[in-house]
Amino acid sequence: MARSLRLLALAGSLAPLLFQVVLVIEESLQRSFLLSIGFDPMKSSFPSANALGPLGWMQTLNFILLGVLVIGFAYALHQGIPGGSAAGPICISIVGACTIVAGLFPTDLPVSSPPHTFHGLVHA
């Protein structure tokens, strides 16, 4: 059990790095699409815009994986600190759950305007 908790904690700790690596790869593969919707990945980063492109499934999975790993990290944190408060792990789990929801509900185009669909509203 202790080994699996360590692995969960490690995976959750590395999740943001993995997210960024996938994001950079995806932005380089979809650069022309991102430029066509008025977004220049060289000037700023808006990960949600990647989900709208031809390789959008990659960003959707990226968000979902990040959320799952963050929830796993929260679980490992809660289990690894006996007698500790559950408030921190619960808050971290909420962040993970919201990240999963953001992945399941893509943003709207144009990415700079307020949301105008149900998916865009949930994502925002």
N, C-alpha and C. Protein backbone atom coordinates (compact mmCIF):
# COMPACT_ATOMS: atom_id res chain seq x y z
N MET A 1 0.82 -1.20 0.00
CA MET A 1 0.00 0.00 0.00
C MET A 1 0.86 1.27 0.00
N ALA A 2 1.93 1.25 0.79
CA ALA A 2 2.79 2.44 0.87
C ALA A 2 3.44 2.74 -0.47
N ARG A 3 3.80 1.69 -1.20
CA ARG A 3 4.44 1.90 -2.51
C ARG A 3 3.46 2.52 -3.49
N SER A 4 2.23 2.05 -3.49
CA SER A 4 1.23 2.61 -4.41
C SER A 4 0.92 4.06 -4.06
N LEU A 5 0.93 4.38 -2.78
CA LEU A 5 0.71 5.78 -2.38
C LEU A 5 1.86 6.66 -2.86
N ARG A 6 3.08 6.14 -2.76
CA ARG A 6 4.23 6.90 -3.25
C ARG A 6 4.15 7.12 -4.76
N LEU A 7 3.72 6.08 -5.47
CA LEU A 7 3.58 6.21 -6.92
C LEU A 7 2.49 7.22 -7.28
N LEU A 8 1.38 7.18 -6.55
CA LEU A 8 0.31 8.16 -6.79
C LEU A 8 0.80 9.57 -6.51
N ALA A 9 1.51 9.73 -5.41
CA ALA A 9 2.04 11.05 -5.06
C ALA A 9 3.03 11.54 -6.12
N LEU A 10 3.89 10.64 -6.57
CA LEU A 10 4.87 11.01 -7.60
C LEU A 10 4.17 11.36 -8.91
N ALA A 11 3.21 10.54 -9.31
CA ALA A 11 2.47 10.81 -10.55
C ALA A 11 1.75 12.15 -10.47
N GLY A 12 1.13 12.42 -9.34
CA GLY A 12 0.44 13.69 -9.16
C GLY A 12 1.40 14.87 -9.15
N SER A 13 2.58 14.65 -8.62
CA SER A 13 3.59 15.72 -8.60
C SER A 13 4.12 16.03 -9.99
N LEU A 14 4.22 14.99 -10.81
CA LEU A 14 4.74 15.17 -12.17
C LEU A 14 3.65 15.54 -13.18
N ALA A 15 2.40 15.46 -12.77
CA ALA A 15 1.28 15.71 -13.69
C ALA A 15 1.35 17.09 -14.36
N PRO A 16 1.63 18.17 -13.64
CA PRO A 16 1.70 19.47 -14.32
C PRO A 16 2.81 19.52 -15.38
N LEU A 17 3.93 18.87 -15.09
CA LEU A 17 5.02 18.83 -16.07
C LEU A 17 4.59 18.06 -17.32
N LEU A 18 3.96 16.92 -17.11
CA LEU A 18 3.46 16.12 -18.24
C LEU A 18 2.45 16.93 -19.06
N PHE A 19 1.57 17.64 -18.36
CA PHE A 19 0.57 18.48 -19.04
C PHE A 19 1.26 19.50 -19.94
N GLN A 20 2.29 20.15 -19.42
CA GLN A 20 3.00 21.17 -20.20
C GLN A 20 3.74 20.57 -21.39
N VAL A 21 4.34 19.42 -21.20
CA VAL A 21 5.06 18.77 -22.31
C VAL A 21 4.09 18.44 -23.44
N VAL A 22 2.95 17.84 -23.09
CA VAL A 22 1.95 17.51 -24.11
C VAL A 22 1.43 18.79 -24.76
N LEU A 23 1.23 19.82 -23.97
CA LEU A 23 0.74 21.10 -24.50
C LEU A 23 1.70 21.69 -25.52
N VAL A 24 2.98 21.69 -25.21
CA VAL A 24 3.98 22.25 -26.13
C VAL A 24 4.01 21.43 -27.43
N ILE A 25 3.96 20.13 -27.30
CA ILE A 25 3.95 19.27 -28.49
C ILE A 25 2.72 19.56 -29.33
N GLU A 26 1.58 19.63 -28.67
CA GLU A 26 0.34 19.86 -29.40
C GLU A 26 0.30 21.24 -30.04
N GLU A 27 0.77 22.25 -29.33
CA GLU A 27 0.79 23.60 -29.92
C GLU A 27 1.70 23.66 -31.13
N SER A 28 2.79 22.91 -31.11
CA SER A 28 3.67 22.92 -32.28
C SER A 28 3.03 22.17 -33.45
N LEU A 29 2.27 21.13 -33.16
CA LEU A 29 1.61 20.37 -34.23
C LEU A 29 0.40 21.10 -34.81
N GLN A 30 -0.21 21.96 -34.01
CA GLN A 30 -1.43 22.65 -34.45
C GLN A 30 -1.22 24.15 -34.62
N ARG A 31 0.01 24.56 -34.81
CA ARG A 31 0.31 25.99 -34.87
C ARG A 31 -0.52 26.72 -35.93
N SER A 32 -0.63 26.14 -37.11
CA SER A 32 -1.38 26.82 -38.18
C SER A 32 -2.86 26.95 -37.81
N PHE A 33 -3.42 25.93 -37.18
CA PHE A 33 -4.81 26.03 -36.74
C PHE A 33 -4.97 27.13 -35.70
N LEU A 34 -4.08 27.14 -34.72
CA LEU A 34 -4.17 28.15 -33.66
C LEU A 34 -4.04 29.56 -34.22
N LEU A 35 -3.14 29.74 -35.17
CA LEU A 35 -3.01 31.06 -35.80
C LEU A 35 -4.27 31.42 -36.57
N SER A 36 -4.92 30.43 -37.17
CA SER A 36 -6.13 30.70 -37.96
C SER A 36 -7.31 31.16 -37.10
N ILE A 37 -7.29 30.82 -35.82
CA ILE A 37 -8.37 31.28 -34.93
C ILE A 37 -7.95 32.51 -34.13
N GLY A 38 -6.80 33.07 -34.50
CA GLY A 38 -6.36 34.31 -33.87
C GLY A 38 -5.57 34.13 -32.59
N PHE A 39 -5.00 32.97 -32.41
CA PHE A 39 -4.25 32.69 -31.20
C PHE A 39 -2.82 32.33 -31.57
N ASP A 40 -1.87 33.06 -31.03
CA ASP A 40 -0.46 32.80 -31.32
C ASP A 40 0.20 32.16 -30.10
N PRO A 41 0.49 30.86 -30.17
CA PRO A 41 1.09 30.19 -29.01
C PRO A 41 2.47 30.72 -28.63
N MET A 42 3.11 31.45 -29.52
CA MET A 42 4.42 32.02 -29.18
C MET A 42 4.30 33.26 -28.30
N LYS A 43 3.10 33.86 -28.26
CA LYS A 43 2.90 35.07 -27.46
C LYS A 43 2.26 34.78 -26.12
N SER A 44 1.37 33.81 -26.07
CA SER A 44 0.72 33.45 -24.81
C SER A 44 0.22 32.02 -24.93
N SER A 45 -0.19 31.47 -23.81
CA SER A 45 -0.65 30.09 -23.81
C SER A 45 -2.10 30.03 -23.34
N PHE A 46 -2.92 29.39 -24.12
CA PHE A 46 -4.31 29.14 -23.76
C PHE A 46 -4.58 27.69 -24.11
N PRO A 47 -4.29 26.77 -23.19
CA PRO A 47 -4.39 25.34 -23.50
C PRO A 47 -5.74 24.90 -24.05
N SER A 48 -6.80 25.54 -23.62
CA SER A 48 -8.13 25.13 -24.05
C SER A 48 -8.35 25.28 -25.54
N ALA A 49 -7.65 26.22 -26.17
CA ALA A 49 -7.81 26.42 -27.61
C ALA A 49 -7.36 25.20 -28.40
N ASN A 50 -6.43 24.45 -27.85
CA ASN A 50 -5.95 23.25 -28.55
C ASN A 50 -7.03 22.20 -28.71
N ALA A 51 -7.98 22.17 -27.82
CA ALA A 51 -9.05 21.17 -27.89
C ALA A 51 -9.97 21.40 -29.07
N LEU A 52 -9.90 22.56 -29.68
CA LEU A 52 -10.78 22.89 -30.80
C LEU A 52 -10.20 22.48 -32.15
N GLY A 53 -8.94 22.15 -32.17
CA GLY A 53 -8.27 21.84 -33.43
C GLY A 53 -8.42 20.39 -33.86
N PRO A 54 -7.77 20.05 -34.96
CA PRO A 54 -7.86 18.69 -35.48
C PRO A 54 -7.30 17.63 -34.53
N LEU A 55 -6.39 18.03 -33.67
CA LEU A 55 -5.85 17.11 -32.67
C LEU A 55 -6.41 17.41 -31.29
N GLY A 56 -7.62 17.91 -31.27
CA GLY A 56 -8.25 18.30 -30.01
C GLY A 56 -8.38 17.19 -29.00
N TRP A 57 -8.49 15.97 -29.48
CA TRP A 57 -8.61 14.83 -28.57
C TRP A 57 -7.39 14.73 -27.66
N MET A 58 -6.23 15.16 -28.16
CA MET A 58 -5.02 15.10 -27.33
C MET A 58 -5.15 16.03 -26.13
N GLN A 59 -5.66 17.24 -26.37
CA GLN A 59 -5.79 18.18 -25.27
C GLN A 59 -6.89 17.76 -24.32
N THR A 60 -7.96 17.18 -24.85
CA THR A 60 -9.02 16.67 -23.99
C THR A 60 -8.47 15.60 -23.05
N LEU A 61 -7.73 14.65 -23.61
CA LEU A 61 -7.11 13.62 -22.77
C LEU A 61 -6.08 14.21 -21.82
N ASN A 62 -5.39 15.23 -22.26
CA ASN A 62 -4.40 15.89 -21.41
C ASN A 62 -5.07 16.49 -20.17
N PHE A 63 -6.18 17.18 -20.36
CA PHE A 63 -6.92 17.73 -19.22
C PHE A 63 -7.43 16.62 -18.30
N ILE A 64 -8.00 15.59 -18.89
CA ILE A 64 -8.56 14.50 -18.09
C ILE A 64 -7.46 13.79 -17.31
N LEU A 65 -6.35 13.50 -17.97
CA LEU A 65 -5.24 12.84 -17.28
C LEU A 65 -4.70 13.71 -16.14
N LEU A 66 -4.56 15.00 -16.39
CA LEU A 66 -4.11 15.90 -15.33
C LEU A 66 -5.06 15.84 -14.14
N GLY A 67 -6.35 15.90 -14.41
CA GLY A 67 -7.33 15.86 -13.33
C GLY A 67 -7.28 14.56 -12.54
N VAL A 68 -7.18 13.44 -13.24
CA VAL A 68 -7.11 12.14 -12.57
C VAL A 68 -5.85 12.04 -11.71
N LEU A 69 -4.73 12.48 -12.25
CA LEU A 69 -3.48 12.40 -11.48
C LEU A 69 -3.49 13.35 -10.28
N VAL A 70 -4.12 14.50 -10.42
CA VAL A 70 -4.23 15.43 -9.29
C VAL A 70 -5.11 14.82 -8.19
N ILE A 71 -6.19 14.17 -8.58
CA ILE A 71 -7.05 13.50 -7.60
C ILE A 71 -6.28 12.37 -6.92
N GLY A 72 -5.51 11.62 -7.70
CA GLY A 72 -4.67 10.57 -7.12
C GLY A 72 -3.67 11.14 -6.13
N PHE A 73 -3.09 12.28 -6.46
CA PHE A 73 -2.16 12.95 -5.56
C PHE A 73 -2.87 13.33 -4.26
N ALA A 74 -4.07 13.87 -4.38
CA ALA A 74 -4.83 14.26 -3.19
C ALA A 74 -5.12 13.06 -2.30
N TYR A 75 -5.47 11.95 -2.92
CA TYR A 75 -5.73 10.72 -2.16
C TYR A 75 -4.46 10.27 -1.43
N ALA A 76 -3.34 10.26 -2.15
CA ALA A 76 -2.08 9.85 -1.54
C ALA A 76 -1.69 10.79 -0.41
N LEU A 77 -1.93 12.07 -0.60
CA LEU A 77 -1.64 13.05 0.44
C LEU A 77 -2.47 12.78 1.68
N HIS A 78 -3.75 12.53 1.47
CA HIS A 78 -4.64 12.27 2.61
C HIS A 78 -4.25 10.99 3.34
N GLN A 79 -3.94 9.95 2.59
CA GLN A 79 -3.58 8.67 3.20
C GLN A 79 -2.19 8.71 3.83
N GLY A 80 -1.33 9.53 3.28
CA GLY A 80 0.06 9.58 3.73
C GLY A 80 0.29 10.41 4.97
N ILE A 81 -0.68 11.20 5.36
CA ILE A 81 -0.54 12.03 6.56
C ILE A 81 -1.61 11.60 7.56
N PRO A 82 -1.29 10.60 8.38
CA PRO A 82 -2.28 10.12 9.34
C PRO A 82 -2.68 11.21 10.34
N GLY A 83 -3.96 11.31 10.56
CA GLY A 83 -4.46 12.29 11.51
C GLY A 83 -4.51 13.70 10.98
N GLY A 84 -4.10 13.89 9.74
CA GLY A 84 -4.11 15.22 9.14
C GLY A 84 -5.51 15.61 8.71
N SER A 85 -5.70 16.88 8.50
CA SER A 85 -6.98 17.39 8.05
C SER A 85 -7.26 16.93 6.62
N ALA A 86 -8.51 16.71 6.34
CA ALA A 86 -8.91 16.32 4.98
C ALA A 86 -9.18 17.54 4.11
N ALA A 87 -9.13 18.73 4.68
CA ALA A 87 -9.48 19.94 3.93
C ALA A 87 -8.58 20.15 2.72
N GLY A 88 -7.28 20.01 2.90
CA GLY A 88 -6.35 20.20 1.79
C GLY A 88 -6.57 19.21 0.66
N PRO A 89 -6.58 17.90 0.98
CA PRO A 89 -6.83 16.92 -0.07
C PRO A 89 -8.20 17.09 -0.75
N ILE A 90 -9.20 17.52 -0.01
CA ILE A 90 -10.51 17.76 -0.62
C ILE A 90 -10.42 18.91 -1.62
N CYS A 91 -9.76 19.98 -1.23
CA CYS A 91 -9.60 21.13 -2.14
C CYS A 91 -8.81 20.74 -3.38
N ILE A 92 -7.76 19.96 -3.20
CA ILE A 92 -6.96 19.50 -4.33
C ILE A 92 -7.80 18.60 -5.23
N SER A 93 -8.63 17.75 -4.64
CA SER A 93 -9.51 16.88 -5.42
C SER A 93 -10.52 17.68 -6.23
N ILE A 94 -11.00 18.76 -5.66
CA ILE A 94 -11.94 19.63 -6.39
C ILE A 94 -11.26 20.23 -7.61
N VAL A 95 -10.01 20.65 -7.44
CA VAL A 95 -9.25 21.17 -8.58
C VAL A 95 -9.12 20.10 -9.66
N GLY A 96 -8.80 18.88 -9.25
CA GLY A 96 -8.69 17.78 -10.20
C GLY A 96 -10.00 17.51 -10.92
N ALA A 97 -11.10 17.50 -10.17
CA ALA A 97 -12.41 17.26 -10.78
C ALA A 97 -12.78 18.37 -11.76
N CYS A 98 -12.48 19.61 -11.40
CA CYS A 98 -12.77 20.73 -12.30
C CYS A 98 -11.92 20.65 -13.57
N THR A 99 -10.71 20.15 -13.45
CA THR A 99 -9.85 19.99 -14.62
C THR A 99 -10.42 18.93 -15.56
N ILE A 100 -10.95 17.86 -14.98
CA ILE A 100 -11.59 16.82 -15.80
C ILE A 100 -12.80 17.41 -16.52
N VAL A 101 -13.62 18.17 -15.80
CA VAL A 101 -14.80 18.79 -16.41
C VAL A 101 -14.38 19.74 -17.53
N ALA A 102 -13.32 20.51 -17.31
CA ALA A 102 -12.84 21.43 -18.35
C ALA A 102 -12.42 20.66 -19.60
N GLY A 103 -11.89 19.46 -19.41
CA GLY A 103 -11.52 18.64 -20.55
C GLY A 103 -12.72 18.08 -21.29
N LEU A 104 -13.77 17.76 -20.56
CA LEU A 104 -14.96 17.17 -21.17
C LEU A 104 -15.83 18.20 -21.89
N PHE A 105 -15.69 19.46 -21.51
CA PHE A 105 -16.49 20.52 -22.11
C PHE A 105 -15.56 21.54 -22.76
N PRO A 106 -15.34 21.42 -24.07
CA PRO A 106 -14.41 22.34 -24.74
C PRO A 106 -14.87 23.79 -24.70
N THR A 107 -13.92 24.68 -24.84
CA THR A 107 -14.20 26.11 -24.84
C THR A 107 -14.88 26.52 -26.15
N ASP A 108 -15.32 27.75 -26.21
CA ASP A 108 -15.97 28.28 -27.41
C ASP A 108 -14.99 29.07 -28.26
N LEU A 109 -15.34 29.21 -29.53
CA LEU A 109 -14.63 30.12 -30.43
C LEU A 109 -15.46 31.38 -30.56
N PRO A 110 -14.91 32.54 -30.66
CA PRO A 110 -13.50 32.82 -30.47
C PRO A 110 -13.13 32.69 -29.00
N VAL A 111 -11.89 32.33 -28.76
CA VAL A 111 -11.47 32.05 -27.39
C VAL A 111 -11.41 33.30 -26.52
N SER A 112 -11.45 34.46 -27.13
CA SER A 112 -11.34 35.69 -26.34
C SER A 112 -12.70 36.26 -25.93
N SER A 113 -13.78 35.69 -26.44
CA SER A 113 -15.10 36.24 -26.12
C SER A 113 -15.73 35.48 -24.96
N PRO A 114 -16.78 36.04 -24.37
CA PRO A 114 -17.48 35.29 -23.32
C PRO A 114 -18.11 34.03 -23.92
N PRO A 115 -18.30 33.00 -23.11
CA PRO A 115 -18.89 31.76 -23.64
C PRO A 115 -20.31 31.99 -24.17
N HIS A 116 -20.64 31.30 -25.25
CA HIS A 116 -21.98 31.45 -25.82
C HIS A 116 -22.68 30.11 -26.05
N THR A 117 -22.07 29.01 -25.60
CA THR A 117 -22.73 27.71 -25.65
C THR A 117 -22.66 27.09 -24.26
N PHE A 118 -23.45 26.05 -24.06
CA PHE A 118 -23.44 25.36 -22.77
C PHE A 118 -22.05 24.80 -22.48
N HIS A 119 -21.43 24.18 -23.49
CA HIS A 119 -20.08 23.64 -23.29
C HIS A 119 -19.10 24.73 -22.89
N GLY A 120 -19.16 25.85 -23.58
CA GLY A 120 -18.26 26.95 -23.27
C GLY A 120 -18.50 27.52 -21.88
N LEU A 121 -19.76 27.58 -21.48
CA LEU A 121 -20.10 28.09 -20.16
C LEU A 121 -19.58 27.17 -19.06
N VAL A 122 -19.76 25.87 -19.24
CA VAL A 122 -19.26 24.91 -18.25
C VAL A 122 -17.75 24.96 -18.20
N HIS A 123 -17.11 25.06 -19.36
CA HIS A 123 -15.65 25.11 -19.42
C HIS A 123 -15.10 26.34 -18.70
N ALA A 124 -15.77 27.45 -18.89
CA ALA A 124 -15.29 28.71 -18.30
C ALA A 124 -15.34 28.62 -16.80
